[in-house]
Amino acid sequence: MSREAQLRDVLELMHTLMQYRQEPIHGELDKVRKKYSMLHLDVLLLIYHFAKTSSGEILEIGAFLGGATIAAARGVRDSGRNKTLIAIELGGSLKHERLGTRDIWRDLERNLPRQRVTQLVTLLKGRSSDPTVVATVNQALGSNKIGLLILDADAAKQRDIDCYSDKLADGCWMVIDDYYGAAPDSKIAASRNDVDALVAAGRLEPLGFYGWSTWVGRWRGRSTITR
C-alpha cells in the first residue's frame, strides 16, 4: 500500500470515531467498557465498526469479561448479516481495583446474556494455540476467512497470528492490545517486538495507536475472503 493510501485509511478511522461520538452507540459502549473492559472506549468503537462493516468472520483471543466481545457482537447484529464471532478465553482470576474477578470464565458466561448477545457469540475455553482449539476454530469457520482479529491475551502475538494466518483474509482488520506502556513491562515489550517484526516483514500494515496501548492495522497476507 502506498503512503498516501495508508494516510487516507488513518484519517478515515479518525473521522469514523468522530462520527460515532455523536451516536447512541458511543454511550452504550462506554457503559460496557466501565463494566467489562480495560480497553479504551475508542478501541471498543473501532471493534464495533470493524465487526459491522468488514467482510469475513471475527476471531477474538483473550475475551476476559467480554467488553470487546460485546462490542463486536453489537457490530455483527447491526450489520444485518450472518457472521461467525468466535471468542477464546483461557479463564483464571485477576486482581484489579475495578474489574477484579475470581473466575473470569464464569463472569464472561454471565455477562454475554446480560447484554443479550449470547446467540451471536461462540465461546471457546482454552489456550488459543492448543491444537484442539485451533481445529475447532477452523471447523467453525469452514471455508470462510477472518475479517477481524482481536488479540488481547498474552504477549505472544506472533504465535497467535501464525496459528490462524491461513484463515486471515488479506486486509483483515487487526486490533492488538498491549503494544505500548508508559513504564517498562515485559509483556508490552514482547508484544511490541512481535508486532514490529511482522510490520518489518510486510505481514502487518500499521494504521495507528488508539486508547492507552492498542495497535490497529491490517493483515497483508495472500488469503482472500470467500463466501
C-alpha atoms as a PDB file:
ATOM      1  CA  MET A   1       0.000   0.000   0.000  1.00  0.00           C
ATOM      2  CA  SER A   2       1.270   3.495  -0.844  1.00  0.00           C
ATOM      3  CA  ARG A   3       1.934   6.030   1.907  1.00  0.00           C
ATOM      4  CA  GLU A   4      -0.898   8.167   0.513  1.00  0.00           C
ATOM      5  CA  ALA A   5      -3.388   5.308   0.743  1.00  0.00           C
ATOM      6  CA  GLN A   6      -2.168   4.430   4.234  1.00  0.00           C
ATOM      7  CA  LEU A   7      -2.609   8.026   5.384  1.00  0.00           C
ATOM      8  CA  ARG A   8      -6.082   8.092   3.851  1.00  0.00           C
ATOM      9  CA  ASP A   9      -7.044   4.993   5.865  1.00  0.00           C
ATOM     10  CA  VAL A  10      -5.692   6.536   9.081  1.00  0.00           C
ATOM     11  CA  LEU A  11      -7.667   9.725   8.558  1.00  0.00           C
ATOM     12  CA  GLU A  12     -10.779   7.716   7.716  1.00  0.00           C
ATOM     13  CA  LEU A  13     -10.527   5.822  11.016  1.00  0.00           C
ATOM     14  CA  MET A  14     -10.172   9.089  12.922  1.00  0.00           C
ATOM     15  CA  HIS A  15     -13.199  10.513  11.108  1.00  0.00           C
ATOM     16  CA  THR A  16     -15.163   7.352  11.867  1.00  0.00           C
ATOM     17  CA  LEU A  17     -14.516   7.791  15.594  1.00  0.00           C
ATOM     18  CA  MET A  18     -15.650  11.400  15.407  1.00  0.00           C
ATOM     19  CA  GLN A  19     -18.919  10.286  13.825  1.00  0.00           C
ATOM     20  CA  TYR A  20     -19.567   7.581  16.417  1.00  0.00           C
ATOM     21  CA  ARG A  21     -19.110  10.097  19.225  1.00  0.00           C
ATOM     22  CA  GLN A  22     -22.372  11.679  18.052  1.00  0.00           C
ATOM     23  CA  GLU A  23     -24.327   8.408  18.001  1.00  0.00           C
ATOM     24  CA  PRO A  24     -26.049   6.359  20.755  1.00  0.00           C
ATOM     25  CA  ILE A  25     -23.529   3.511  20.399  1.00  0.00           C
ATOM     26  CA  HIS A  26     -20.913   5.801  21.973  1.00  0.00           C
ATOM     27  CA  GLY A  27     -22.755   5.965  25.286  1.00  0.00           C
ATOM     28  CA  GLU A  28     -23.802   2.313  25.109  1.00  0.00           C
ATOM     29  CA  LEU A  29     -20.247   1.071  24.685  1.00  0.00           C
ATOM     30  CA  ASP A  30     -18.988   3.435  27.366  1.00  0.00           C
ATOM     31  CA  LYS A  31     -21.278   1.612  29.816  1.00  0.00           C
ATOM     32  CA  VAL A  32     -19.929  -1.718  28.531  1.00  0.00           C
ATOM     33  CA  ARG A  33     -16.353  -0.506  28.999  1.00  0.00           C
ATOM     34  CA  LYS A  34     -16.935   0.533  32.598  1.00  0.00           C
ATOM     35  CA  LYS A  35     -18.439  -2.847  33.495  1.00  0.00           C
ATOM     36  CA  TYR A  36     -16.428  -5.316  31.463  1.00  0.00           C
ATOM     37  CA  SER A  37     -13.327  -3.936  29.734  1.00  0.00           C
ATOM     38  CA  MET A  38      -9.867  -2.452  30.234  1.00  0.00           C
ATOM     39  CA  LEU A  39      -9.800  -1.249  26.636  1.00  0.00           C
ATOM     40  CA  HIS A  40     -10.259   2.416  25.795  1.00  0.00           C
ATOM     41  CA  LEU A  41     -13.686   3.455  24.511  1.00  0.00           C
ATOM     42  CA  ASP A  42     -12.191   4.423  21.123  1.00  0.00           C
ATOM     43  CA  VAL A  43     -10.903   0.855  20.735  1.00  0.00           C
ATOM     44  CA  LEU A  44     -14.319  -0.627  21.529  1.00  0.00           C
ATOM     45  CA  LEU A  45     -15.890   1.723  18.982  1.00  0.00           C
ATOM     46  CA  LEU A  46     -13.420   0.618  16.316  1.00  0.00           C
ATOM     47  CA  ILE A  47     -14.082  -3.051  17.128  1.00  0.00           C
ATOM     48  CA  TYR A  48     -17.809  -2.356  16.770  1.00  0.00           C
ATOM     49  CA  HIS A  49     -17.167  -0.582  13.451  1.00  0.00           C
ATOM     50  CA  PHE A  50     -14.945  -3.309  12.019  1.00  0.00           C
ATOM     51  CA  ALA A  51     -17.393  -6.041  13.049  1.00  0.00           C
ATOM     52  CA  LYS A  52     -20.243  -4.093  11.485  1.00  0.00           C
ATOM     53  CA  THR A  53     -18.647  -3.113   8.182  1.00  0.00           C
ATOM     54  CA  SER A  54     -15.962  -5.655   7.308  1.00  0.00           C
ATOM     55  CA  SER A  55     -16.386  -8.803   5.301  1.00  0.00           C
ATOM     56  CA  GLY A  56     -15.390 -12.120   6.780  1.00  0.00           C
ATOM     57  CA  GLU A  57     -15.741 -13.638  10.214  1.00  0.00           C
ATOM     58  CA  ILE A  58     -14.436 -12.458  13.594  1.00  0.00           C
ATOM     59  CA  LEU A  59     -11.963 -14.102  15.967  1.00  0.00           C
ATOM     60  CA  GLU A  60     -11.133 -12.726  19.407  1.00  0.00           C
ATOM     61  CA  ILE A  61      -8.302 -14.149  21.502  1.00  0.00           C
ATOM     62  CA  GLY A  62      -8.458 -13.101  25.139  1.00  0.00           C
ATOM     63  CA  ALA A  63     -12.109 -12.220  25.753  1.00  0.00           C
ATOM     64  CA  PHE A  64     -11.648 -11.561  29.501  1.00  0.00           C
ATOM     65  CA  LEU A  65     -15.024 -10.326  30.860  1.00  0.00           C
ATOM     66  CA  GLY A  66     -16.462  -9.734  27.397  1.00  0.00           C
ATOM     67  CA  GLY A  67     -16.135  -5.994  26.712  1.00  0.00           C
ATOM     68  CA  ALA A  68     -14.674  -6.348  23.225  1.00  0.00           C
ATOM     69  CA  THR A  69     -16.823  -9.430  22.609  1.00  0.00           C
ATOM     70  CA  ILE A  70     -19.971  -7.422  23.308  1.00  0.00           C
ATOM     71  CA  ALA A  71     -18.787  -4.555  21.090  1.00  0.00           C
ATOM     72  CA  ALA A  72     -18.093  -6.978  18.234  1.00  0.00           C
ATOM     73  CA  ALA A  73     -21.415  -8.775  18.741  1.00  0.00           C
ATOM     74  CA  ARG A  74     -23.310  -5.498  18.545  1.00  0.00           C
ATOM     75  CA  GLY A  75     -21.459  -4.687  15.354  1.00  0.00           C
ATOM     76  CA  VAL A  76     -22.453  -8.048  13.892  1.00  0.00           C
ATOM     77  CA  ARG A  77     -26.074  -7.500  14.922  1.00  0.00           C
ATOM     78  CA  ASP A  78     -26.172  -4.001  13.434  1.00  0.00           C
ATOM     79  CA  SER A  79     -24.591  -5.220  10.193  1.00  0.00           C
ATOM     80  CA  GLY A  80     -27.727  -7.196   9.412  1.00  0.00           C
ATOM     81  CA  ARG A  81     -25.608 -10.087   8.126  1.00  0.00           C
ATOM     82  CA  ASN A  82     -24.781 -13.513   9.474  1.00  0.00           C
ATOM     83  CA  LYS A  83     -21.201 -13.539  10.702  1.00  0.00           C
ATOM     84  CA  THR A  84     -19.375 -16.047  12.850  1.00  0.00           C
ATOM     85  CA  LEU A  85     -17.943 -14.473  16.008  1.00  0.00           C
ATOM     86  CA  ILE A  86     -15.618 -16.751  17.998  1.00  0.00           C
ATOM     87  CA  ALA A  87     -14.177 -15.642  21.352  1.00  0.00           C
ATOM     88  CA  ILE A  88     -11.399 -17.657  23.016  1.00  0.00           C
ATOM     89  CA  GLU A  89     -10.716 -17.324  26.746  1.00  0.00           C
ATOM     90  CA  LEU A  90      -8.470 -19.426  28.969  1.00  0.00           C
ATOM     91  CA  GLY A  91     -10.084 -18.345  32.242  1.00  0.00           C
ATOM     92  CA  GLY A  92      -8.461 -17.851  35.625  1.00  0.00           C
ATOM     93  CA  SER A  93      -8.638 -14.973  38.099  1.00  0.00           C
ATOM     94  CA  LEU A  94      -7.435 -11.384  38.235  1.00  0.00           C
ATOM     95  CA  LYS A  95      -6.843  -8.856  40.996  1.00  0.00           C
ATOM     96  CA  HIS A  96      -7.887  -5.417  39.768  1.00  0.00           C
ATOM     97  CA  GLU A  97      -9.415  -2.451  41.568  1.00  0.00           C
ATOM     98  CA  ARG A  98     -12.211  -2.070  39.014  1.00  0.00           C
ATOM     99  CA  LEU A  99     -12.540  -5.393  37.183  1.00  0.00           C
ATOM    100  CA  GLY A 100     -11.199  -7.938  39.629  1.00  0.00           C
ATOM    101  CA  THR A 101     -12.652 -11.431  39.349  1.00  0.00           C
ATOM    102  CA  ARG A 102     -12.105 -14.821  40.964  1.00  0.00           C
ATOM    103  CA  ASP A 103     -13.431 -16.647  37.902  1.00  0.00           C
ATOM    104  CA  ILE A 104     -13.016 -14.980  34.515  1.00  0.00           C
ATOM    105  CA  TRP A 105     -14.811 -17.712  32.552  1.00  0.00           C
ATOM    106  CA  ARG A 106     -17.821 -17.758  34.881  1.00  0.00           C
ATOM    107  CA  ASP A 107     -18.213 -13.980  34.680  1.00  0.00           C
ATOM    108  CA  LEU A 108     -17.749 -13.966  30.905  1.00  0.00           C
ATOM    109  CA  GLU A 109     -20.538 -16.509  30.523  1.00  0.00           C
ATOM    110  CA  ARG A 110     -22.781 -14.383  32.736  1.00  0.00           C
ATOM    111  CA  ASN A 111     -22.041 -11.066  31.041  1.00  0.00           C
ATOM    112  CA  LEU A 112     -22.974 -12.022  27.475  1.00  0.00           C
ATOM    113  CA  PRO A 113     -26.636 -12.844  28.254  1.00  0.00           C
ATOM    114  CA  ARG A 114     -26.880  -9.680  30.347  1.00  0.00           C
ATOM    115  CA  GLN A 115     -26.066  -7.768  27.161  1.00  0.00           C
ATOM    116  CA  ARG A 116     -28.323 -10.003  25.044  1.00  0.00           C
ATOM    117  CA  VAL A 117     -25.573 -11.132  22.668  1.00  0.00           C
ATOM    118  CA  THR A 118     -25.194 -14.787  23.666  1.00  0.00           C
ATOM    119  CA  GLN A 119     -26.663 -16.119  20.431  1.00  0.00           C
ATOM    120  CA  LEU A 120     -24.155 -14.106  18.389  1.00  0.00           C
ATOM    121  CA  VAL A 121     -21.027 -15.490  20.067  1.00  0.00           C
ATOM    122  CA  THR A 122     -19.305 -18.876  20.069  1.00  0.00           C
ATOM    123  CA  LEU A 123     -17.236 -19.148  23.246  1.00  0.00           C
ATOM    124  CA  LEU A 124     -14.222 -21.463  23.381  1.00  0.00           C
ATOM    125  CA  LYS A 125     -12.411 -22.168  26.643  1.00  0.00           C
ATOM    126  CA  GLY A 126      -8.717 -22.948  26.350  1.00  0.00           C
ATOM    127  CA  ARG A 127      -5.389 -21.723  25.037  1.00  0.00           C
ATOM    128  CA  SER A 128      -5.563 -20.162  21.596  1.00  0.00           C
ATOM    129  CA  SER A 129      -2.542 -22.161  20.432  1.00  0.00           C
ATOM    130  CA  ASP A 130      -3.868 -25.521  21.630  1.00  0.00           C
ATOM    131  CA  PRO A 131      -4.248 -27.781  18.566  1.00  0.00           C
ATOM    132  CA  THR A 132      -7.752 -28.743  19.689  1.00  0.00           C
ATOM    133  CA  VAL A 133      -8.817 -25.086  19.907  1.00  0.00           C
ATOM    134  CA  VAL A 134      -7.226 -24.267  16.540  1.00  0.00           C
ATOM    135  CA  ALA A 135      -9.001 -27.236  14.950  1.00  0.00           C
ATOM    136  CA  THR A 136     -12.331 -26.165  16.478  1.00  0.00           C
ATOM    137  CA  VAL A 137     -11.941 -22.647  15.083  1.00  0.00           C
ATOM    138  CA  ASN A 138     -11.059 -23.973  11.639  1.00  0.00           C
ATOM    139  CA  GLN A 139     -14.054 -26.274  11.675  1.00  0.00           C
ATOM    140  CA  ALA A 140     -16.400 -23.469  12.752  1.00  0.00           C
ATOM    141  CA  LEU A 141     -15.129 -21.154  10.017  1.00  0.00           C
ATOM    142  CA  GLY A 142     -15.172 -23.740   7.255  1.00  0.00           C
ATOM    143  CA  SER A 143     -14.022 -22.148   4.005  1.00  0.00           C
ATOM    144  CA  ASN A 144     -14.713 -18.611   5.249  1.00  0.00           C
ATOM    145  CA  LYS A 145     -11.947 -16.202   6.176  1.00  0.00           C
ATOM    146  CA  ILE A 146     -11.434 -13.931   9.172  1.00  0.00           C
ATOM    147  CA  GLY A 147     -12.097 -10.250   8.526  1.00  0.00           C
ATOM    148  CA  LEU A 148     -11.361  -9.037  12.080  1.00  0.00           C
ATOM    149  CA  LEU A 149      -8.808 -10.458  14.525  1.00  0.00           C
ATOM    150  CA  ILE A 150      -8.664  -9.128  18.107  1.00  0.00           C
ATOM    151  CA  LEU A 151      -5.598 -10.067  20.166  1.00  0.00           C
ATOM    152  CA  ASP A 152      -5.758  -9.268  23.876  1.00  0.00           C
ATOM    153  CA  ALA A 153      -4.411 -12.326  25.676  1.00  0.00           C
ATOM    154  CA  ASP A 154      -0.727 -12.869  26.482  1.00  0.00           C
ATOM    155  CA  ALA A 155       2.351 -11.365  24.865  1.00  0.00           C
ATOM    156  CA  ALA A 156       2.799 -13.996  22.144  1.00  0.00           C
ATOM    157  CA  LYS A 157       1.147 -12.058  19.318  1.00  0.00           C
ATOM    158  CA  GLN A 158       3.084 -13.709  16.501  1.00  0.00           C
ATOM    159  CA  ARG A 159       2.303 -17.165  17.882  1.00  0.00           C
ATOM    160  CA  ASP A 160      -1.424 -16.492  17.714  1.00  0.00           C
ATOM    161  CA  ILE A 161      -1.214 -14.875  14.287  1.00  0.00           C
ATOM    162  CA  ASP A 162       0.768 -17.837  12.962  1.00  0.00           C
ATOM    163  CA  CYS A 163      -1.803 -20.265  14.396  1.00  0.00           C
ATOM    164  CA  TYR A 164      -4.590 -18.667  12.360  1.00  0.00           C
ATOM    165  CA  SER A 165      -2.763 -16.989   9.463  1.00  0.00           C
ATOM    166  CA  ASP A 166      -4.215 -19.426   6.926  1.00  0.00           C
ATOM    167  CA  LYS A 167      -7.689 -18.171   7.853  1.00  0.00           C
ATOM    168  CA  LEU A 168      -6.888 -14.440   7.722  1.00  0.00           C
ATOM    169  CA  ALA A 169      -8.251 -12.546   4.746  1.00  0.00           C
ATOM    170  CA  ASP A 170      -5.906 -10.127   3.039  1.00  0.00           C
ATOM    171  CA  GLY A 171      -6.801  -6.756   4.533  1.00  0.00           C
ATOM    172  CA  CYS A 172      -8.188  -8.359   7.708  1.00  0.00           C
ATOM    173  CA  TRP A 173      -8.535  -5.728  10.434  1.00  0.00           C
ATOM    174  CA  MET A 174      -6.143  -6.342  13.327  1.00  0.00           C
ATOM    175  CA  VAL A 175      -6.706  -4.957  16.830  1.00  0.00           C
ATOM    176  CA  ILE A 176      -3.724  -5.810  19.058  1.00  0.00           C
ATOM    177  CA  ASP A 177      -3.593  -4.652  22.670  1.00  0.00           C
ATOM    178  CA  ASP A 178      -0.561  -4.239  24.952  1.00  0.00           C
ATOM    179  CA  TYR A 179       1.614  -2.577  22.341  1.00  0.00           C
ATOM    180  CA  TYR A 180       2.573   0.474  24.384  1.00  0.00           C
ATOM    181  CA  GLY A 181       3.019   1.364  28.037  1.00  0.00           C
ATOM    182  CA  ALA A 182       4.443   4.265  29.991  1.00  0.00           C
ATOM    183  CA  ALA A 183       6.512   2.022  32.266  1.00  0.00           C
ATOM    184  CA  PRO A 184       8.781  -0.891  31.304  1.00  0.00           C
ATOM    185  CA  ASP A 185       6.729  -4.064  31.088  1.00  0.00           C
ATOM    186  CA  SER A 186       7.906  -7.462  29.841  1.00  0.00           C
ATOM    187  CA  LYS A 187       4.510  -8.267  28.291  1.00  0.00           C
ATOM    188  CA  ILE A 188       4.386  -4.978  26.393  1.00  0.00           C
ATOM    189  CA  ALA A 189       7.995  -5.299  25.235  1.00  0.00           C
ATOM    190  CA  ALA A 190       7.392  -8.809  23.900  1.00  0.00           C
ATOM    191  CA  SER A 191       4.110  -7.800  22.242  1.00  0.00           C
ATOM    192  CA  ARG A 192       5.730  -4.818  20.560  1.00  0.00           C
ATOM    193  CA  ASN A 193       8.667  -6.894  19.341  1.00  0.00           C
ATOM    194  CA  ASP A 194       6.286  -9.376  17.711  1.00  0.00           C
ATOM    195  CA  VAL A 195       4.197  -6.671  16.048  1.00  0.00           C
ATOM    196  CA  ASP A 196       7.195  -4.661  14.881  1.00  0.00           C
ATOM    197  CA  ALA A 197       8.787  -7.775  13.380  1.00  0.00           C
ATOM    198  CA  LEU A 198       5.594  -8.575  11.448  1.00  0.00           C
ATOM    199  CA  VAL A 199       5.381  -4.986  10.205  1.00  0.00           C
ATOM    200  CA  ALA A 200       9.023  -5.086   9.085  1.00  0.00           C
ATOM    201  CA  ALA A 201       8.318  -8.341   7.242  1.00  0.00           C
ATOM    202  CA  GLY A 202       5.406  -6.733   5.400  1.00  0.00           C
ATOM    203  CA  ARG A 203       2.816  -9.015   7.003  1.00  0.00           C
ATOM    204  CA  LEU A 204       1.145  -6.254   9.034  1.00  0.00           C
ATOM    205  CA  GLU A 205       0.245  -2.729   7.943  1.00  0.00           C
ATOM    206  CA  PRO A 206       0.095  -0.215  10.825  1.00  0.00           C
ATOM    207  CA  LEU A 207      -2.767   2.311  10.914  1.00  0.00           C
ATOM    208  CA  GLY A 208      -2.232   3.964  14.268  1.00  0.00           C
ATOM    209  CA  PHE A 209      -2.381   3.546  18.030  1.00  0.00           C
ATOM    210  CA  TYR A 210      -5.600   4.062  19.949  1.00  0.00           C
ATOM    211  CA  GLY A 211      -6.584   4.416  23.582  1.00  0.00           C
ATOM    212  CA  TRP A 212      -3.891   3.576  26.065  1.00  0.00           C
ATOM    213  CA  SER A 213      -1.921   0.836  24.309  1.00  0.00           C
ATOM    214  CA  THR A 214      -3.749  -0.660  21.325  1.00  0.00           C
ATOM    215  CA  TRP A 215      -2.233  -1.125  17.861  1.00  0.00           C
ATOM    216  CA  VAL A 216      -4.645  -1.073  14.907  1.00  0.00           C
ATOM    217  CA  GLY A 217      -3.853  -2.136  11.363  1.00  0.00           C
ATOM    218  CA  ARG A 218      -4.421  -4.681   8.615  1.00  0.00           C
ATOM    219  CA  TRP A 219      -3.123  -8.105   7.693  1.00  0.00           C
ATOM    220  CA  ARG A 220      -1.289  -8.167   4.387  1.00  0.00           C
ATOM    221  CA  GLY A 221      -1.142 -11.878   3.617  1.00  0.00           C
ATOM    222  CA  ARG A 222      -2.418 -13.551   0.475  1.00  0.00           C
ATOM    223  CA  SER A 223      -5.737 -15.063   1.562  1.00  0.00           C
ATOM    224  CA  THR A 224      -8.962 -13.555   0.236  1.00  0.00           C
ATOM    225  CA  ILE A 225     -12.467 -13.657   1.633  1.00  0.00           C
ATOM    226  CA  THR A 226     -14.721 -16.296   0.079  1.00  0.00           C
ATOM    227  CA  ARG A 227     -18.431 -16.782   0.534  1.00  0.00           C
END
